[in-house]
Protein backbone atom coordinates (compact mmCIF):
# COMPACT_ATOMS: atom_id res chain seq x y z
CA MET A 1 -2.51 -48.21 145.75
CA LEU A 2 -3.53 -45.89 142.95
CA ASP A 3 -1.05 -43.84 140.91
CA ILE A 4 -1.10 -40.27 142.26
CA LYS A 5 0.38 -39.02 138.98
CA PHE A 6 -2.64 -40.36 137.10
CA ILE A 7 -5.02 -38.72 139.58
CA ARG A 8 -3.23 -35.37 139.20
CA GLN A 9 -3.42 -35.60 135.41
CA GLU A 10 -6.98 -36.99 135.22
CA PRO A 11 -8.96 -35.65 138.19
CA GLU A 12 -12.35 -35.79 136.46
CA LEU A 13 -11.84 -39.36 135.27
CA SER A 14 -10.61 -40.29 138.75
CA ARG A 15 -13.76 -38.84 140.32
CA ARG A 16 -15.91 -40.91 137.97
CA LYS A 17 -13.89 -44.05 138.61
CA LEU A 18 -14.22 -43.64 142.37
CA GLN A 19 -17.95 -43.05 142.06
CA GLU A 20 -18.22 -46.31 140.09
CA ARG A 21 -16.67 -48.07 143.09
CA GLY A 22 -19.25 -46.59 145.44
CA GLU A 23 -16.95 -43.91 146.87
CA SER A 24 -17.51 -40.17 147.04
CA PRO A 25 -15.83 -38.26 144.18
CA LYS A 26 -14.98 -35.59 146.75
CA LEU A 27 -12.23 -37.90 147.97
CA VAL A 28 -10.24 -36.90 144.87
CA ASP A 29 -10.37 -33.24 145.92
CA GLU A 30 -9.35 -34.19 149.47
CA LEU A 31 -6.48 -36.29 148.16
CA LEU A 32 -5.24 -33.63 145.73
CA GLY A 33 -5.42 -31.01 148.48
CA SER A 34 -3.38 -33.23 150.78
CA ASP A 35 -0.93 -33.95 147.97
CA GLU A 36 -0.48 -30.24 147.19
CA SER A 37 0.10 -29.41 150.85
CA ARG A 38 2.63 -32.23 151.20
CA ARG A 39 4.54 -31.19 148.09
CA ALA A 40 4.58 -27.53 149.15
CA ILE A 41 6.17 -28.50 152.48
CA VAL A 42 8.78 -30.62 150.68
CA THR A 43 9.63 -27.71 148.36
CA GLU A 44 9.96 -25.31 151.29
CA LEU A 45 12.16 -27.81 153.13
CA GLU A 46 14.44 -28.19 150.13
CA GLN A 47 14.79 -24.41 149.87
CA LEU A 48 15.57 -24.04 153.59
CA GLN A 49 18.04 -26.93 153.48
CA ALA A 50 19.82 -25.30 150.55
CA LYS A 51 19.95 -22.04 152.51
CA LEU A 52 21.33 -23.90 155.53
CA ASN A 53 24.04 -25.49 153.42
CA ALA A 54 24.98 -22.07 152.03
CA PHE A 55 25.14 -20.63 155.57
CA SER A 56 27.45 -23.47 156.66
CA LYS A 57 29.84 -22.75 153.79
CA GLU A 58 29.74 -19.01 154.58
CA ILE A 59 30.54 -19.66 158.24
CA GLY A 60 33.55 -21.73 157.19
CA MET A 61 34.79 -18.94 154.95
CA LEU A 62 34.35 -16.30 157.69
CA MET A 63 36.18 -18.47 160.23
CA GLY A 64 38.98 -18.98 157.70
CA LYS A 65 39.32 -15.22 157.32
CA GLY A 66 39.36 -14.73 161.10
CA GLN A 67 36.04 -12.86 161.10
CA LYS A 68 34.75 -14.65 164.20
CA GLU A 69 32.15 -12.01 165.13
CA LYS A 70 30.44 -12.22 161.75
CA ALA A 71 30.71 -16.01 161.89
CA GLU A 72 28.90 -16.07 165.26
CA GLU A 73 26.12 -13.88 163.85
CA LYS A 74 25.74 -16.27 160.96
CA LYS A 75 25.73 -19.24 163.38
CA SER A 76 22.83 -17.61 165.24
CA GLU A 77 20.91 -17.33 161.95
CA THR A 78 21.82 -20.95 161.22
CA ARG A 79 20.40 -22.15 164.56
CA GLU A 80 17.15 -20.29 163.90
CA LEU A 81 17.00 -21.79 160.42
CA GLY A 82 17.58 -25.24 161.95
CA ARG A 83 14.63 -24.74 164.29
CA LYS A 84 12.43 -23.82 161.32
CA ILE A 85 13.58 -26.95 159.49
CA ASP A 86 12.82 -29.14 162.53
CA LYS A 87 9.28 -27.75 162.77
CA LEU A 88 8.78 -28.17 159.04
CA ASN A 89 10.01 -31.78 159.23
CA HIS A 90 7.30 -32.50 161.80
CA ARG A 91 4.72 -30.93 159.49
CA LYS A 92 6.11 -32.98 156.60
CA SER A 93 5.77 -36.18 158.61
CA ASP A 94 2.17 -35.36 159.56
CA SER A 95 1.26 -34.40 155.99
CA GLU A 96 2.78 -37.59 154.55
CA GLU A 97 0.93 -39.69 157.12
CA ALA A 98 -2.38 -38.01 156.20
CA PHE A 99 -1.67 -38.39 152.47
CA ASN A 100 -0.72 -42.07 152.79
CA ALA A 101 -3.82 -42.79 154.88
CA LEU A 102 -5.99 -41.35 152.10
CA MET A 103 -4.15 -43.32 149.41
CA LEU A 104 -4.47 -46.58 151.34
CA ALA A 105 -8.20 -46.05 151.84
CA LEU A 106 -9.03 -45.67 148.13
CA PRO A 107 -10.13 -48.80 146.21
CA ASN A 108 -8.71 -49.78 142.86
CA PHE A 109 -10.31 -48.36 139.72
CA ALA A 110 -12.43 -50.77 137.68
CA HIS A 111 -11.18 -51.90 134.26
CA GLU A 112 -13.15 -50.48 131.33
CA SER A 113 -14.64 -53.93 130.58
CA VAL A 114 -16.24 -54.21 134.04
CA PRO A 115 -20.03 -53.63 134.19
CA VAL A 116 -20.80 -50.46 136.12
CA GLY A 117 -23.29 -50.79 138.97
CA PRO A 118 -23.55 -50.51 142.75
CA ASP A 119 -24.15 -54.17 143.65
CA GLU A 120 -24.39 -57.81 142.54
CA SER A 121 -27.58 -57.19 140.57
CA PHE A 122 -25.35 -55.57 137.92
CA ASN A 123 -23.06 -58.60 137.61
CA LYS A 124 -22.90 -60.06 134.10
CA GLU A 125 -23.24 -63.77 133.45
CA VAL A 126 -20.45 -64.89 131.10
CA LYS A 127 -21.30 -68.56 130.61
CA ILE A 128 -22.90 -71.67 132.07
CA GLU A 129 -21.12 -75.02 131.92
CA GLY A 130 -22.46 -78.54 132.34
CA GLY A 131 -25.96 -79.69 133.20
CA LYS A 132 -27.67 -79.76 136.56
CA PRO A 133 -27.92 -83.30 137.97
CA ASP A 134 -31.26 -85.08 137.74
CA PHE A 135 -32.54 -87.01 140.77
CA ASP A 136 -35.37 -89.51 141.01
CA PHE A 137 -35.53 -88.73 144.73
CA GLU A 138 -35.58 -85.56 146.87
CA PRO A 139 -31.92 -84.51 147.19
CA LYS A 140 -30.63 -83.80 150.69
CA GLY A 141 -28.66 -80.78 151.82
CA HIS A 142 -25.05 -81.18 152.88
CA ILE A 143 -25.84 -80.95 156.59
CA ASP A 144 -28.04 -84.04 156.47
CA ILE A 145 -25.49 -85.91 154.32
CA CYS A 146 -22.60 -84.99 156.63
CA GLU A 147 -24.50 -86.10 159.69
CA SER A 148 -25.82 -89.37 158.22
CA LEU A 149 -22.37 -90.37 156.88
CA GLU A 150 -20.52 -88.93 159.89
CA LEU A 151 -18.34 -86.68 157.73
CA ILE A 152 -18.43 -83.54 159.89
CA ASP A 153 -19.28 -83.16 163.56
CA PHE A 154 -20.79 -79.68 163.66
CA GLU A 155 -21.61 -79.74 167.38
CA ARG A 156 -18.14 -80.80 168.52
CA GLY A 157 -16.51 -78.33 166.12
CA ALA A 158 -18.51 -75.57 167.81
CA LYS A 159 -17.61 -77.00 171.23
CA LEU A 160 -13.92 -76.80 170.35
CA ALA A 161 -13.75 -73.33 168.78
CA GLY A 162 -17.22 -71.78 168.69
CA SER A 163 -19.70 -71.40 165.85
CA GLY A 164 -18.27 -71.24 162.34
CA PHE A 165 -15.57 -73.87 162.88
CA LEU A 166 -15.72 -77.38 161.45
CA LEU A 167 -14.55 -80.75 162.74
CA TYR A 168 -13.99 -83.10 159.79
CA ILE A 169 -13.98 -86.77 160.77
CA GLY A 170 -13.60 -90.14 159.05
CA TRP A 171 -14.40 -90.04 155.34
CA GLY A 172 -15.01 -86.29 155.65
CA ALA A 173 -11.42 -85.63 156.76
CA ARG A 174 -10.13 -87.97 154.05
CA LEU A 175 -12.22 -86.28 151.35
CA GLU A 176 -10.98 -82.82 152.37
CA ARG A 177 -7.37 -84.02 152.28
CA ALA A 178 -7.93 -85.71 148.91
CA LEU A 179 -9.37 -82.53 147.42
CA ILE A 180 -6.37 -80.48 148.58
CA GLN A 181 -3.95 -82.96 147.04
CA PHE A 182 -5.95 -83.18 143.81
CA LEU A 183 -6.01 -79.38 143.41
CA LEU A 184 -2.29 -78.95 144.09
CA ASP A 185 -1.38 -81.75 141.66
CA LEU A 186 -3.62 -80.28 138.96
CA HIS A 187 -2.25 -76.75 139.17
CA VAL A 188 1.39 -77.81 139.52
CA GLN A 189 1.52 -80.67 137.02
CA ASP A 190 -1.01 -79.52 134.41
CA HIS A 191 -1.11 -75.73 134.74
CA GLY A 192 2.54 -74.93 135.45
CA TYR A 193 2.33 -73.22 138.84
CA LYS A 194 5.14 -73.52 141.38
CA GLU A 195 3.92 -74.89 144.70
CA VAL A 196 4.79 -72.99 147.87
CA SER A 197 3.85 -73.70 151.47
CA PRO A 198 3.54 -70.31 153.19
CA PRO A 199 3.26 -69.28 156.86
CA PHE A 200 -0.32 -69.16 158.09
CA MET A 201 0.25 -65.80 159.77
CA VAL A 202 1.77 -62.63 158.33
CA GLN A 203 2.91 -59.21 159.46
CA SER A 204 0.44 -56.36 159.14
CA GLU A 205 2.46 -54.88 156.25
CA CYS A 206 1.60 -57.92 154.16
CA MET A 207 -2.12 -57.42 154.83
CA GLU A 208 -1.71 -53.80 153.79
CA GLY A 209 0.17 -54.86 150.67
CA VAL A 210 -2.69 -56.94 149.26
CA GLY A 211 -5.35 -54.39 150.27
CA GLN A 212 -6.80 -56.26 153.25
CA PHE A 213 -5.77 -53.40 155.54
CA PRO A 214 -6.95 -50.88 156.52
CA LYS A 215 -10.29 -51.66 154.82
CA PHE A 216 -10.91 -55.09 156.39
CA LEU A 217 -9.09 -54.77 159.69
CA ASP A 218 -12.33 -55.60 161.53
CA GLN A 219 -12.51 -58.97 159.75
CA ALA A 220 -9.05 -60.20 160.76
CA TYR A 221 -7.79 -62.40 163.57
CA ALA A 222 -4.93 -60.59 165.32
CA ILE A 223 -2.18 -62.62 167.04
CA GLN A 224 -0.67 -62.03 170.46
CA GLU A 225 2.49 -63.82 171.55
CA GLY A 226 1.75 -65.41 174.91
CA LEU A 227 1.10 -62.76 177.54
CA ASP A 228 2.95 -59.98 175.71
CA SER A 229 0.17 -57.53 174.81
CA ASP A 230 2.68 -55.34 172.94
CA THR A 231 2.79 -57.97 170.18
CA LEU A 232 -0.97 -57.91 169.57
CA GLY A 233 -1.72 -56.84 166.00
CA LYS A 234 1.81 -57.19 164.66
CA ARG A 235 0.84 -60.48 163.03
CA TYR A 236 -2.48 -61.79 161.73
CA LEU A 237 -3.89 -65.17 160.73
CA ILE A 238 -4.19 -65.15 156.96
CA PRO A 239 -7.62 -64.70 155.31
CA THR A 240 -6.22 -66.45 152.21
CA ALA A 241 -2.80 -67.59 150.97
CA GLU A 242 -2.84 -64.49 148.77
CA ALA A 243 -1.58 -62.48 151.75
CA PRO A 244 1.76 -64.30 152.15
CA VAL A 245 2.30 -65.51 148.56
CA ALA A 246 1.61 -62.22 146.74
CA ASN A 247 3.99 -60.53 149.20
CA MET A 248 6.85 -62.96 148.57
CA HIS A 249 8.66 -60.35 146.46
CA ARG A 250 7.56 -57.23 148.33
CA GLY A 251 10.17 -54.48 148.24
CA GLU A 252 12.17 -56.30 145.54
CA MET A 253 13.38 -55.18 142.13
CA LEU A 254 12.88 -58.10 139.77
CA HIS A 255 14.10 -58.29 136.20
CA GLU A 256 11.81 -58.62 133.21
CA SER A 257 13.29 -62.07 132.55
CA ASP A 258 12.01 -63.18 136.00
CA LEU A 259 8.42 -62.76 134.82
CA PRO A 260 5.90 -64.26 134.76
CA LYS A 261 5.87 -65.85 138.19
CA ARG A 262 3.11 -68.37 138.89
CA TYR A 263 2.56 -69.75 142.37
CA CYS A 264 -0.02 -71.98 144.01
CA ALA A 265 -0.42 -72.65 147.70
CA TYR A 266 -2.68 -74.52 150.08
CA SER A 267 -3.65 -72.86 153.33
CA PRO A 268 -6.42 -72.69 155.86
CA CYS A 269 -8.20 -69.31 155.69
CA PHE A 270 -9.33 -67.40 158.78
CA ARG A 271 -12.02 -64.72 158.59
CA ALA A 272 -13.63 -63.13 161.63
CA GLU A 273 -16.17 -61.33 159.42
CA ALA A 274 -17.19 -58.99 162.22
CA GLY A 275 -20.16 -56.89 161.24
CA ALA A 276 -20.90 -59.13 158.23
CA ALA A 277 -24.13 -60.98 157.59
CA GLY A 278 -23.12 -63.57 160.13
CA VAL A 279 -21.88 -67.12 160.30
CA ALA A 280 -24.32 -69.98 160.33
CA THR A 281 -24.47 -72.00 163.53
CA ARG A 282 -24.47 -75.16 161.40
CA GLY A 283 -23.36 -75.96 157.88
CA MET A 284 -20.40 -75.12 155.66
CA ILE A 285 -21.56 -72.19 153.52
CA ARG A 286 -20.21 -69.44 155.73
CA VAL A 287 -17.53 -70.31 158.29
CA HIS A 288 -14.62 -68.67 160.11
CA GLN A 289 -12.05 -71.22 158.94
CA PHE A 290 -11.91 -73.09 155.64
CA ASP A 291 -9.30 -74.62 153.33
CA LYS A 292 -8.33 -73.22 149.96
CA VAL A 293 -5.79 -73.60 147.21
CA GLU A 294 -4.78 -70.15 145.96
CA LEU A 295 -3.28 -69.13 142.61
CA ILE A 296 -0.99 -66.09 142.28
CA LYS A 297 0.63 -64.55 139.21
CA VAL A 298 3.11 -61.68 138.86
CA VAL A 299 3.22 -60.63 135.21
CA LYS A 300 4.14 -57.80 132.87
CA PRO A 301 1.31 -55.24 132.54
CA GLU A 302 0.79 -55.91 128.83
CA ASN A 303 0.07 -59.56 129.65
CA GLY A 304 -2.18 -58.97 132.66
CA TYR A 305 -5.57 -59.62 131.09
CA GLU A 306 -4.42 -62.51 128.92
CA GLU A 307 -3.09 -64.15 132.09
CA LEU A 308 -6.39 -63.42 133.86
CA GLU A 309 -8.28 -65.43 131.25
CA LYS A 310 -5.80 -68.30 131.63
CA MET A 311 -6.17 -68.26 135.40
CA LEU A 312 -9.95 -68.38 135.02
CA GLN A 313 -9.59 -71.44 132.79
CA ASN A 314 -7.32 -73.07 135.37
CA ALA A 315 -9.93 -72.62 138.10
CA GLU A 316 -12.77 -73.76 135.84
CA LYS A 317 -10.85 -76.94 135.01
CA VAL A 318 -11.33 -78.11 138.59
CA LEU A 319 -15.10 -78.15 138.25
CA GLN A 320 -14.99 -79.58 134.74
CA LEU A 321 -12.85 -82.53 135.83
CA LEU A 322 -15.14 -83.19 138.79
CA GLY A 323 -18.23 -83.07 136.58
CA LEU A 324 -19.91 -80.19 138.42
CA HIS A 325 -22.39 -77.71 136.93
CA TYR A 326 -21.28 -74.09 137.29
CA ARG A 327 -21.53 -70.60 135.88
CA VAL A 328 -19.07 -67.70 135.47
CA VAL A 329 -20.01 -64.08 136.16
CA THR A 330 -18.14 -60.80 135.80
CA LEU A 331 -18.55 -58.75 138.95
CA SER A 332 -19.83 -55.20 138.70
CA SER A 333 -17.76 -52.21 139.80
CA GLY A 334 -19.69 -52.02 143.07
CA ASP A 335 -19.46 -55.75 143.87
CA MET A 336 -15.73 -56.29 143.30
CA GLY A 337 -13.18 -56.65 146.05
CA PHE A 338 -11.27 -53.59 147.24
CA ALA A 339 -8.03 -54.34 145.35
CA ALA A 340 -9.49 -55.75 142.13
CA ALA A 341 -9.60 -54.04 138.75
CA LYS A 342 -11.58 -56.92 137.27
CA THR A 343 -13.01 -60.08 138.85
CA TYR A 344 -14.65 -63.23 137.59
CA ASP A 345 -16.61 -65.34 140.05
CA ILE A 346 -17.14 -69.04 139.47
CA GLU A 347 -20.33 -70.29 141.10
CA VAL A 348 -20.92 -74.03 141.47
CA TRP A 349 -24.40 -75.54 141.61
CA ALA A 350 -25.39 -77.15 144.92
CA PRO A 351 -28.57 -79.23 144.37
CA GLY A 352 -29.43 -79.50 148.05
CA GLN A 353 -29.32 -75.73 148.37
CA GLY A 354 -31.09 -75.20 145.06
CA ASP A 355 -28.64 -72.39 144.40
CA TYR A 356 -25.20 -71.46 143.11
CA LEU A 357 -22.31 -71.06 145.58
CA GLU A 358 -19.27 -68.90 144.89
CA VAL A 359 -16.33 -71.29 144.84
CA SER A 360 -13.70 -69.09 143.17
CA SER A 361 -12.91 -65.43 142.55
CA VAL A 362 -10.26 -64.68 139.94
CA SER A 363 -8.95 -61.11 139.82
CA ASN A 364 -6.40 -58.84 138.20
CA THR A 365 -5.37 -56.09 140.62
CA GLU A 366 -3.20 -54.51 137.89
CA ASP A 367 -0.42 -52.53 139.66
CA PHE A 368 -2.57 -51.68 142.70
CA GLN A 369 -0.97 -54.29 144.97
CA SER A 370 2.55 -53.99 143.55
CA ARG A 371 2.54 -50.25 144.33
CA ARG A 372 1.42 -50.91 147.90
CA MET A 373 4.15 -53.50 148.44
CA LYS A 374 6.79 -51.59 146.43
CA LEU A 375 7.39 -54.50 144.08
CA ARG A 376 8.93 -53.49 140.74
CA TYR A 377 10.79 -55.02 137.84
CA LYS A 378 13.47 -53.58 135.59
CA SER A 379 12.29 -53.70 132.01
CA ASP A 380 14.57 -54.26 129.05
CA GLU A 381 13.44 -50.87 127.80
CA GLY A 382 14.98 -49.09 130.76
CA GLY A 383 13.33 -47.80 133.94
CA PRO A 384 11.54 -49.76 136.67
CA LYS A 385 7.89 -50.73 136.25
CA PHE A 386 5.17 -52.08 138.50
CA PRO A 387 3.94 -55.55 137.47
CA HIS A 388 0.34 -56.73 137.48
CA ILE A 389 -0.52 -59.11 140.33
CA LEU A 390 -3.33 -61.62 139.84
CA ASN A 391 -4.99 -63.87 142.38
CA GLY A 392 -7.57 -66.62 142.16
CA SER A 393 -9.14 -69.38 144.20
CA GLY A 394 -8.22 -72.68 142.72
CA VAL A 395 -10.60 -73.39 144.55
CA ALA A 396 -12.24 -72.86 147.98
CA LEU A 397 -12.73 -76.26 149.58
CA ALA A 398 -15.73 -75.92 151.91
CA ARG A 399 -18.18 -75.01 149.17
CA LEU A 400 -16.61 -77.47 146.71
CA PHE A 401 -17.11 -80.12 149.41
CA VAL A 402 -20.80 -79.11 149.65
CA ALA A 403 -21.32 -79.25 145.87
CA LEU A 404 -19.66 -82.66 145.57
CA LEU A 405 -21.74 -84.23 148.33
CA GLU A 406 -25.01 -82.78 147.08
CA THR A 407 -24.30 -83.55 143.41
CA TYR A 408 -23.11 -87.15 143.86
CA GLN A 409 -25.48 -88.29 146.62
CA GLN A 410 -27.31 -91.57 145.96
CA VAL A 411 -30.78 -92.76 146.89
CA ASP A 412 -29.35 -95.19 149.47
CA GLY A 413 -27.58 -92.34 151.29
CA SER A 414 -24.10 -93.05 149.93
CA VAL A 415 -22.00 -90.58 147.90
CA LYS A 416 -20.26 -91.53 144.65
CA ILE A 417 -16.71 -90.29 144.17
CA PRO A 418 -15.75 -88.71 140.81
CA LYS A 419 -13.28 -90.85 138.88
CA LEU A 420 -10.31 -88.47 139.18
CA LEU A 421 -10.64 -88.35 142.98
CA GLN A 422 -10.81 -92.13 143.42
CA PRO A 423 -7.01 -92.68 143.43
CA TYR A 424 -6.69 -90.14 146.26
CA LEU A 425 -9.45 -91.70 148.38
CA HIS A 426 -8.86 -95.31 147.29
CA THR A 427 -12.61 -95.81 146.89
CA ASP A 428 -15.34 -95.08 144.39
CA VAL A 429 -18.02 -94.42 147.02
CA ILE A 430 -18.49 -93.17 150.56
CA PRO A 431 -20.81 -95.90 151.82
CA SER A 432 -24.00 -95.33 153.73
CA PRO A 433 -24.00 -96.64 157.31
């Protein structure tokens, strides 16, 4: 959530910032109008409440003096004043609901270092790491490799849950499990994150807290408890572990000495992606359920962007250790996620696709999420502050799985296993049949 005080003080800058995010600058005028109306009602209520309190004291004085007739007249005025206050309270509730709906619908402002542009064509390449693998044969795509080595049964996965769901089998299931363990060990032991194992469903307030709702409500899987339709939409399957982990301290007042907090978590991720480009009937590039290890930081604002660079390095380390070619790009203002102030994408090279695949997004949301979830910390300097919340994929497994298979495939149909993964799989190769 944006800071309404900033928008009041800097309306022109706020209009420009919204326009950079692809939103109409007129939303600032609508928001300020709603804010002014809401504040006017609050002021009027305070004045009427003060008048009501004065009337109550006056009635007590009149009753004490035995002037019952005058007291009854004043009671009649008090009842009328009470009716006005009741009506105004209803207006206040409606105005606050309208104001909050506008605030929740506005995306975060882009950091000044973010390239300005409406779409991905304005993204800026930061660096390229490693070399593309050379083959003396025509490399296969991951679908052919998975089918020939019996790593994933695409047809039975679709039979079980519909298109966009995967059934890992044999070496495929073992490789996925090995990757999860490798990522958790790396981020906990080498990068200093605390591992958590969160619920795989959360209350709607948590989705609102990280900015998933109301913007992406149409992309979520809502839960219903048994046959009780009243429970539908109170909980949702998580689209990423960010939803539960970033909300761990929602509504809390931390102390400055508690920061920074660094968490990592494995979870499956569920995304309906209704109205999106669509999920492939076969393959792993775009699916409804995939595994991911997520990184979360809660830090002091002055350290937010230093910690963002460190988180990027942590995610990059995964690909470096696995010997994969990749590039890093800074997303443009129009291509960033709703809650982000700045985002780096890490894109890994998949030889069978002949293209880069996004395998990690690393973002600083600044205080956008902490405001939405009412998370603050008490600084040593005095008053409460909102911390910066950072999130990053460390990394997404399905596309990492694709890149590994396509990069390390051999002419005989087998797949070599990178050295650091061998202890987890207890083999140096997935053999051809």
